[in-house]
PDB file of N, CA and C in Angstrom:
ATOM      1  N   UNK A   1     161.263  52.741 178.805  1.00  0.00           N
ATOM      2  CA  UNK A   1     161.843  54.036 178.549  1.00  0.00           C
ATOM      3  C   UNK A   1     162.842  53.901 177.431  1.00  0.00           C
ATOM      4  N   UNK A   2     162.831  54.836 176.532  1.00  0.00           N
ATOM      5  CA  UNK A   2     163.774  54.879 175.412  1.00  0.00           C
ATOM      6  C   UNK A   2     165.049  55.597 175.874  1.00  0.00           C
ATOM      7  N   UNK A   3     166.223  55.043 175.609  1.00  0.00           N
ATOM      8  CA  UNK A   3     167.501  55.578 176.095  1.00  0.00           C
ATOM      9  C   UNK A   3     168.293  56.282 175.028  1.00  0.00           C
ATOM     10  N   UNK A   4     168.984  57.328 175.481  1.00  0.00           N
ATOM     11  CA  UNK A   4     169.960  58.041 174.647  1.00  0.00           C
ATOM     12  C   UNK A   4     171.155  58.306 175.545  1.00  0.00           C
ATOM     13  N   UNK A   5     172.175  57.441 175.495  1.00  0.00           N
ATOM     14  CA  UNK A   5     173.343  57.595 176.376  1.00  0.00           C
ATOM     15  C   UNK A   5     174.333  58.578 175.758  1.00  0.00           C
ATOM     16  N   UNK A   6     175.011  59.309 176.635  1.00  0.00           N
ATOM     17  CA  UNK A   6     176.034  60.262 176.196  1.00  0.00           C
ATOM     18  C   UNK A   6     177.303  59.501 175.803  1.00  0.00           C
ATOM     19  N   UNK A   7     178.243  60.174 175.150  1.00  0.00           N
ATOM     20  CA  UNK A   7     179.494  59.535 174.769  1.00  0.00           C
ATOM     21  C   UNK A   7     180.432  59.396 175.959  1.00  0.00           C
ATOM     22  N   UNK A   8     180.449  60.412 176.833  1.00  0.00           N
ATOM     23  CA  UNK A   8     181.344  60.404 177.992  1.00  0.00           C
ATOM     24  C   UNK A   8     180.594  60.823 179.258  1.00  0.00           C
ATOM     25  N   UNK A   9     181.154  60.468 180.415  1.00  0.00           N
ATOM     26  CA  UNK A   9     180.561  60.781 181.722  1.00  0.00           C
ATOM     27  C   UNK A   9     180.690  62.273 181.983  1.00  0.00           C
ATOM     28  N   UNK A  10     179.655  62.913 182.476  1.00  0.00           N
ATOM     29  CA  UNK A  10     179.700  64.326 182.799  1.00  0.00           C
ATOM     30  C   UNK A  10     180.133  64.499 184.246  1.00  0.00           C
ATOM     31  N   UNK A  11     181.074  65.406 184.540  1.00  0.00           N
ATOM     32  CA  UNK A  11     181.444  65.757 185.892  1.00  0.00           C
ATOM     33  C   UNK A  11     182.640  65.041 186.466  1.00  0.00           C
ATOM     34  N   UNK A  12     183.427  64.342 185.662  1.00  0.00           N
ATOM     35  CA  UNK A  12     184.643  63.706 186.152  1.00  0.00           C
ATOM     36  C   UNK A  12     185.850  64.346 185.480  1.00  0.00           C
ATOM     37  N   UNK A  13     187.000  64.354 186.136  1.00  0.00           N
ATOM     38  CA  UNK A  13     188.177  64.995 185.564  1.00  0.00           C
ATOM     39  C   UNK A  13     188.795  64.158 184.436  1.00  0.00           C
ATOM     40  N   UNK A  14     188.746  62.847 184.558  1.00  0.00           N
ATOM     41  CA  UNK A  14     189.284  62.024 183.482  1.00  0.00           C
ATOM     42  C   UNK A  14     188.160  61.643 182.520  1.00  0.00           C
ATOM     43  N   UNK A  15     188.553  61.462 181.269  1.00  0.00           N
ATOM     44  CA  UNK A  15     187.547  61.069 180.271  1.00  0.00           C
ATOM     45  C   UNK A  15     187.230  59.583 180.435  1.00  0.00           C
ATOM     46  N   UNK A  16     185.951  59.297 180.569  1.00  0.00           N
ATOM     47  CA  UNK A  16     185.514  57.901 180.781  1.00  0.00           C
ATOM     48  C   UNK A  16     184.319  57.651 179.880  1.00  0.00           C
ATOM     49  N   UNK A  17     184.428  56.600 179.067  1.00  0.00           N
ATOM     50  CA  UNK A  17     183.311  56.217 178.199  1.00  0.00           C
ATOM     51  C   UNK A  17     182.183  55.612 179.001  1.00  0.00           C
ATOM     52  N   UNK A  18     180.984  55.694 178.485  1.00  0.00           N
ATOM     53  CA  UNK A  18     179.815  55.171 179.161  1.00  0.00           C
ATOM     54  C   UNK A  18     179.510  53.787 178.623  1.00  0.00           C
ATOM     55  N   UNK A  19     179.454  52.818 179.518  1.00  0.00           N
ATOM     56  CA  UNK A  19     179.073  51.442 179.139  1.00  0.00           C
ATOM     57  C   UNK A  19     177.559  51.343 179.036  1.00  0.00           C
ATOM     58  N   UNK A  20     177.099  50.306 178.320  1.00  0.00           N
ATOM     59  CA  UNK A  20     175.660  50.084 178.198  1.00  0.00           C
ATOM     60  C   UNK A  20     175.041  49.835 179.567  1.00  0.00           C
ATOM     61  N   UNK A  21     173.749  50.134 179.686  1.00  0.00           N
ATOM     62  CA  UNK A  21     173.032  49.858 180.938  1.00  0.00           C
ATOM     63  C   UNK A  21     172.761  48.373 181.039  1.00  0.00           C
ATOM     64  N   UNK A  22     172.963  47.849 182.242  1.00  0.00           N
ATOM     65  CA  UNK A  22     172.810  46.408 182.501  1.00  0.00           C
ATOM     66  C   UNK A  22     171.622  46.127 183.395  1.00  0.00           C
ATOM     67  N   UNK A  23     171.093  44.917 183.303  1.00  0.00           N
ATOM     68  CA  UNK A  23     169.994  44.498 184.181  1.00  0.00           C
ATOM     69  C   UNK A  23     170.485  44.472 185.636  1.00  0.00           C
ATOM     70  N   UNK A  24     169.617  44.838 186.567  1.00  0.00           N
ATOM     71  CA  UNK A  24     169.824  44.932 188.006  1.00  0.00           C
ATOM     72  C   UNK A  24     170.836  46.006 188.417  1.00  0.00           C
ATOM     73  N   UNK A  25     171.065  46.957 187.568  1.00  0.00           N
ATOM     74  CA  UNK A  25     171.924  48.094 187.883  1.00  0.00           C
ATOM     75  C   UNK A  25     171.086  49.226 188.498  1.00  0.00           C
ATOM     76  N   UNK A  26     171.553  49.821 189.586  1.00  0.00           N
ATOM     77  CA  UNK A  26     170.789  50.938 190.186  1.00  0.00           C
ATOM     78  C   UNK A  26     171.046  52.211 189.367  1.00  0.00           C
ATOM     79  N   UNK A  27     169.986  52.976 189.142  1.00  0.00           N
ATOM     80  CA  UNK A  27     170.087  54.253 188.430  1.00  0.00           C
ATOM     81  C   UNK A  27     169.271  55.322 189.187  1.00  0.00           C
ATOM     82  N   UNK A  28     169.712  56.557 189.100  1.00  0.00           N
ATOM     83  CA  UNK A  28     168.919  57.657 189.652  1.00  0.00           C
ATOM     84  C   UNK A  28     168.252  58.345 188.467  1.00  0.00           C
ATOM     85  N   UNK A  29     166.963  58.580 188.588  1.00  0.00           N
ATOM     86  CA  UNK A  29     166.171  59.190 187.516  1.00  0.00           C
ATOM     87  C   UNK A  29     165.593  60.512 187.980  1.00  0.00           C
ATOM     88  N   UNK A  30     165.749  61.555 187.186  1.00  0.00           N
ATOM     89  CA  UNK A  30     165.145  62.866 187.445  1.00  0.00           C
ATOM     90  C   UNK A  30     164.136  63.101 186.362  1.00  0.00           C
ATOM     91  N   UNK A  31     162.868  63.224 186.798  1.00  0.00           N
ATOM     92  CA  UNK A  31     161.755  63.447 185.868  1.00  0.00           C
ATOM     93  C   UNK A  31     161.073  64.728 186.319  1.00  0.00           C
ATOM     94  N   UNK A  32     161.242  65.800 185.547  1.00  0.00           N
ATOM     95  CA  UNK A  32     160.721  67.086 185.977  1.00  0.00           C
ATOM     96  C   UNK A  32     161.432  67.507 187.258  1.00  0.00           C
ATOM     97  N   UNK A  33     160.675  67.741 188.317  1.00  0.00           N
ATOM     98  CA  UNK A  33     161.299  68.121 189.604  1.00  0.00           C
ATOM     99  C   UNK A  33     161.433  66.924 190.524  1.00  0.00           C
ATOM    100  N   UNK A  34     160.939  65.798 190.143  1.00  0.00           N
ATOM    101  CA  UNK A  34     160.972  64.587 190.987  1.00  0.00           C
ATOM    102  C   UNK A  34     162.269  63.799 190.760  1.00  0.00           C
ATOM    103  N   UNK A  35     162.784  63.216 191.849  1.00  0.00           N
ATOM    104  CA  UNK A  35     164.000  62.414 191.787  1.00  0.00           C
ATOM    105  C   UNK A  35     163.733  61.102 192.493  1.00  0.00           C
ATOM    106  N   UNK A  36     164.121  59.993 191.899  1.00  0.00           N
ATOM    107  CA  UNK A  36     163.972  58.694 192.532  1.00  0.00           C
ATOM    108  C   UNK A  36     165.057  57.761 192.037  1.00  0.00           C
ATOM    109  N   UNK A  37     165.286  56.705 192.818  1.00  0.00           N
ATOM    110  CA  UNK A  37     166.243  55.675 192.439  1.00  0.00           C
ATOM    111  C   UNK A  37     165.466  54.456 191.991  1.00  0.00           C
ATOM    112  N   UNK A  38     165.976  53.742 191.035  1.00  0.00           N
ATOM    113  CA  UNK A  38     165.345  52.527 190.563  1.00  0.00           C
ATOM    114  C   UNK A  38     166.352  51.497 190.147  1.00  0.00           C
ATOM    115  N   UNK A  39     165.868  50.265 189.940  1.00  0.00           N
ATOM    116  CA  UNK A  39     166.731  49.168 189.527  1.00  0.00           C
ATOM    117  C   UNK A  39     166.263  48.708 188.148  1.00  0.00           C
ATOM    118  N   UNK A  40     167.197  48.532 187.228  1.00  0.00           N
ATOM    119  CA  UNK A  40     166.869  48.109 185.860  1.00  0.00           C
ATOM    120  C   UNK A  40     166.391  46.672 185.884  1.00  0.00           C
ATOM    121  N   UNK A  41     165.172  46.432 185.399  1.00  0.00           N
ATOM    122  CA  UNK A  41     164.626  45.060 185.354  1.00  0.00           C
ATOM    123  C   UNK A  41     164.847  44.430 183.995  1.00  0.00           C
ATOM    124  N   UNK A  42     164.945  45.246 182.959  1.00  0.00           N
ATOM    125  CA  UNK A  42     165.166  44.732 181.609  1.00  0.00           C
ATOM    126  C   UNK A  42     165.903  45.791 180.814  1.00  0.00           C
ATOM    127  N   UNK A  43     167.006  45.402 180.160  1.00  0.00           N
ATOM    128  CA  UNK A  43     167.798  46.343 179.390  1.00  0.00           C
ATOM    129  C   UNK A  43     168.100  45.800 178.016  1.00  0.00           C
ATOM    130  N   UNK A  44     167.837  46.596 177.015  1.00  0.00           N
ATOM    131  CA  UNK A  44     168.225  46.303 175.636  1.00  0.00           C
ATOM    132  C   UNK A  44     169.046  47.487 175.159  1.00  0.00           C
ATOM    133  N   UNK A  45     169.462  47.460 173.897  1.00  0.00           N
ATOM    134  CA  UNK A  45     170.371  48.496 173.389  1.00  0.00           C
ATOM    135  C   UNK A  45     169.854  49.915 173.633  1.00  0.00           C
ATOM    136  N   UNK A  46     168.661  50.235 173.182  1.00  0.00           N
ATOM    137  CA  UNK A  46     168.139  51.596 173.317  1.00  0.00           C
ATOM    138  C   UNK A  46     166.866  51.672 174.139  1.00  0.00           C
ATOM    139  N   UNK A  47     166.650  50.683 174.987  1.00  0.00           N
ATOM    140  CA  UNK A  47     165.414  50.647 175.759  1.00  0.00           C
ATOM    141  C   UNK A  47     165.681  49.962 177.110  1.00  0.00           C
ATOM    142  N   UNK A  48     165.009  50.420 178.148  1.00  0.00           N
ATOM    143  CA  UNK A  48     165.160  49.800 179.458  1.00  0.00           C
ATOM    144  C   UNK A  48     163.870  49.939 180.246  1.00  0.00           C
ATOM    145  N   UNK A  49     163.643  48.964 181.133  1.00  0.00           N
ATOM    146  CA  UNK A  49     162.539  49.057 182.081  1.00  0.00           C
ATOM    147  C   UNK A  49     163.156  49.149 183.460  1.00  0.00           C
ATOM    148  N   UNK A  50     162.626  50.068 184.267  1.00  0.00           N
ATOM    149  CA  UNK A  50     163.191  50.341 185.592  1.00  0.00           C
ATOM    150  C   UNK A  50     162.083  50.233 186.652  1.00  0.00           C
ATOM    151  N   UNK A  51     162.373  49.480 187.707  1.00  0.00           N
ATOM    152  CA  UNK A  51     161.457  49.383 188.873  1.00  0.00           C
ATOM    153  C   UNK A  51     161.868  50.489 189.855  1.00  0.00           C
ATOM    154  N   UNK A  52     160.982  51.443 190.087  1.00  0.00           N
ATOM    155  CA  UNK A  52     161.306  52.563 190.923  1.00  0.00           C
ATOM    156  C   UNK A  52     161.106  52.245 192.408  1.00  0.00           C
ATOM    157  N   UNK A  53     162.003  52.761 193.254  1.00  0.00           N
ATOM    158  CA  UNK A  53     161.862  52.586 194.716  1.00  0.00           C
ATOM    159  C   UNK A  53     160.724  53.461 195.227  1.00  0.00           C
ATOM    160  N   UNK A  54     160.590  54.668 194.685  1.00  0.00           N
ATOM    161  CA  UNK A  54     159.512  55.570 195.013  1.00  0.00           C
ATOM    162  C   UNK A  54     158.778  55.929 193.713  1.00  0.00           C
ATOM    163  N   UNK A  55     157.507  55.586 193.626  1.00  0.00           N
ATOM    164  CA  UNK A  55     156.780  55.846 192.375  1.00  0.00           C
ATOM    165  C   UNK A  55     156.690  57.316 192.041  1.00  0.00           C
ATOM    166  N   UNK A  56     156.708  57.640 190.749  1.00  0.00           N
ATOM    167  CA  UNK A  56     156.602  59.018 190.278  1.00  0.00           C
ATOM    168  C   UNK A  56     155.478  59.044 189.218  1.00  0.00           C
ATOM    169  N   UNK A  57     154.684  60.075 189.262  1.00  0.00           N
ATOM    170  CA  UNK A  57     153.653  60.276 188.253  1.00  0.00           C
ATOM    171  C   UNK A  57     154.196  61.161 187.165  1.00  0.00           C
ATOM    172  N   UNK A  58     154.259  60.646 185.919  1.00  0.00           N
ATOM    173  CA  UNK A  58     154.776  61.410 184.805  1.00  0.00           C
ATOM    174  C   UNK A  58     154.024  61.053 183.530  1.00  0.00           C
ATOM    175  N   UNK A  59     153.902  61.981 182.657  1.00  0.00           N
ATOM    176  CA  UNK A  59     153.188  61.739 181.377  1.00  0.00           C
ATOM    177  C   UNK A  59     154.062  60.959 180.412  1.00  0.00           C
ATOM    178  N   UNK A  60     153.408  60.168 179.533  1.00  0.00           N
ATOM    179  CA  UNK A  60     154.119  59.493 178.487  1.00  0.00           C
ATOM    180  C   UNK A  60     154.753  60.550 177.584  1.00  0.00           C
ATOM    181  N   UNK A  61     155.988  60.366 177.222  1.00  0.00           N
ATOM    182  CA  UNK A  61     156.727  61.339 176.429  1.00  0.00           C
ATOM    183  C   UNK A  61     157.590  62.296 177.237  1.00  0.00           C
ATOM    184  N   UNK A  62     157.482  62.194 178.594  1.00  0.00           N
ATOM    185  CA  UNK A  62     158.300  63.032 179.451  1.00  0.00           C
ATOM    186  C   UNK A  62     159.769  62.647 179.308  1.00  0.00           C
ATOM    187  N   UNK A  63     160.636  63.646 179.470  1.00  0.00           N
ATOM    188  CA  UNK A  63     162.072  63.395 179.381  1.00  0.00           C
ATOM    189  C   UNK A  63     162.635  63.091 180.788  1.00  0.00           C
ATOM    190  N   UNK A  64     163.645  62.217 180.804  1.00  0.00           N
ATOM    191  CA  UNK A  64     164.216  61.705 182.052  1.00  0.00           C
ATOM    192  C   UNK A  64     165.725  61.894 181.982  1.00  0.00           C
ATOM    193  N   UNK A  65     166.329  62.453 183.039  1.00  0.00           N
ATOM    194  CA  UNK A  65     167.782  62.492 183.176  1.00  0.00           C
ATOM    195  C   UNK A  65     168.215  61.222 183.905  1.00  0.00           C
ATOM    196  N   UNK A  66     169.212  60.519 183.364  1.00  0.00           N
ATOM    197  CA  UNK A  66     169.638  59.242 183.896  1.00  0.00           C
ATOM    198  C   UNK A  66     171.058  59.375 184.480  1.00  0.00           C
ATOM    199  N   UNK A  67     171.215  58.995 185.748  1.00  0.00           N
ATOM    200  CA  UNK A  67     172.536  59.053 186.387  1.00  0.00           C
ATOM    201  C   UNK A  67     172.929  57.686 186.920  1.00  0.00           C
ATOM    202  N   UNK A  68     174.241  57.449 186.918  1.00  0.00           N
ATOM    203  CA  UNK A  68     174.831  56.176 187.387  1.00  0.00           C
ATOM    204  C   UNK A  68     175.811  56.505 188.496  1.00  0.00           C
ATOM    205  N   UNK A  69     175.960  55.595 189.436  1.00  0.00           N
ATOM    206  CA  UNK A  69     176.911  55.749 190.544  1.00  0.00           C
ATOM    207  C   UNK A  69     178.333  55.486 190.022  1.00  0.00           C
ATOM    208  N   UNK A  70     179.154  56.548 190.023  1.00  0.00           N
ATOM    209  CA  UNK A  70     180.536  56.446 189.547  1.00  0.00           C
ATOM    210  C   UNK A  70     181.397  57.119 190.627  1.00  0.00           C
ATOM    211  N   UNK A  71     182.401  56.422 191.162  1.00  0.00           N
ATOM    212  CA  UNK A  71     183.288  56.951 192.210  1.00  0.00           C
ATOM    213  C   UNK A  71     182.495  57.523 193.391  1.00  0.00           C
ATOM    214  N   UNK A  72     181.510  56.763 193.855  1.00  0.00           N
ATOM    215  CA  UNK A  72     180.651  57.102 195.000  1.00  0.00           C
ATOM    216  C   UNK A  72     179.831  58.408 194.825  1.00  0.00           C
ATOM    217  N   UNK A  73     179.616  58.800 193.581  1.00  0.00           N
ATOM    218  CA  UNK A  73     178.748  59.968 193.305  1.00  0.00           C
ATOM    219  C   UNK A  73     177.873  59.633 192.125  1.00  0.00           C
ATOM    220  N   UNK A  74     176.711  60.268 192.054  1.00  0.00           N
ATOM    221  CA  UNK A  74     175.821  60.089 190.920  1.00  0.00           C
ATOM    222  C   UNK A  74     176.292  60.988 189.798  1.00  0.00           C
ATOM    223  N   UNK A  75     176.526  60.394 188.617  1.00  0.00           N
ATOM    224  CA  UNK A  75     176.995  61.113 187.446  1.00  0.00           C
ATOM    225  C   UNK A  75     176.019  60.966 186.274  1.00  0.00           C
ATOM    226  N   UNK A  76     175.766  62.061 185.584  1.00  0.00           N
ATOM    227  CA  UNK A  76     174.854  62.056 184.428  1.00  0.00           C
ATOM    228  C   UNK A  76     175.454  61.188 183.310  1.00  0.00           C
ATOM    229  N   UNK A  77     174.651  60.207 182.806  1.00  0.00           N
ATOM    230  CA  UNK A  77     175.152  59.353 181.747  1.00  0.00           C
ATOM    231  C   UNK A  77     174.252  59.386 180.506  1.00  0.00           C
ATOM    232  N   UNK A  78     173.081  60.002 180.613  1.00  0.00           N
ATOM    233  CA  UNK A  78     172.205  60.045 179.453  1.00  0.00           C
ATOM    234  C   UNK A  78     170.819  60.580 179.786  1.00  0.00           C
ATOM    235  N   UNK A  79     169.980  60.553 178.760  1.00  0.00           N
ATOM    236  CA  UNK A  79     168.599  60.977 178.880  1.00  0.00           C
ATOM    237  C   UNK A  79     167.707  59.885 178.347  1.00  0.00           C
ATOM    238  N   UNK A  80     166.449  59.970 178.717  1.00  0.00           N
ATOM    239  CA  UNK A  80     165.487  58.996 178.232  1.00  0.00           C
ATOM    240  C   UNK A  80     164.149  59.649 177.999  1.00  0.00           C
ATOM    241  N   UNK A  81     163.265  58.886 177.367  1.00  0.00           N
ATOM    242  CA  UNK A  81     161.900  59.342 177.111  1.00  0.00           C
ATOM    243  C   UNK A  81     160.965  58.233 177.572  1.00  0.00           C
ATOM    244  N   UNK A  82     159.980  58.560 178.386  1.00  0.00           N
ATOM    245  CA  UNK A  82     159.047  57.579 178.910  1.00  0.00           C
ATOM    246  C   UNK A  82     158.125  57.115 177.761  1.00  0.00           C
ATOM    247  N   UNK A  83     158.081  55.813 177.553  1.00  0.00           N
ATOM    248  CA  UNK A  83     157.272  55.248 176.482  1.00  0.00           C
ATOM    249  C   UNK A  83     155.915  54.733 176.975  1.00  0.00           C
ATOM    250  N   UNK A  84     155.900  54.047 178.131  1.00  0.00           N
ATOM    251  CA  UNK A  84     154.639  53.536 178.673  1.00  0.00           C
ATOM    252  C   UNK A  84     154.774  53.266 180.151  1.00  0.00           C
TER     253      UNK A  84
END
């Protein structure tokens, strides 16, 4: 998946910069109407591979909303595009 991270975290009162995605980090992915949690298996600057807990069927080129666990809540940190 190709990544496009935001500059700041959405939904928190204090301004917090977004760190790069790391390997073995849990992420919540929203693809269309489907939502699933996955673990990052490989992360590079603008690309990541994620192993999903619950498989989702999506077309190549679909857009993905990416959320990270911050202060015990899922917060939007970026978007992605499915490559393969």
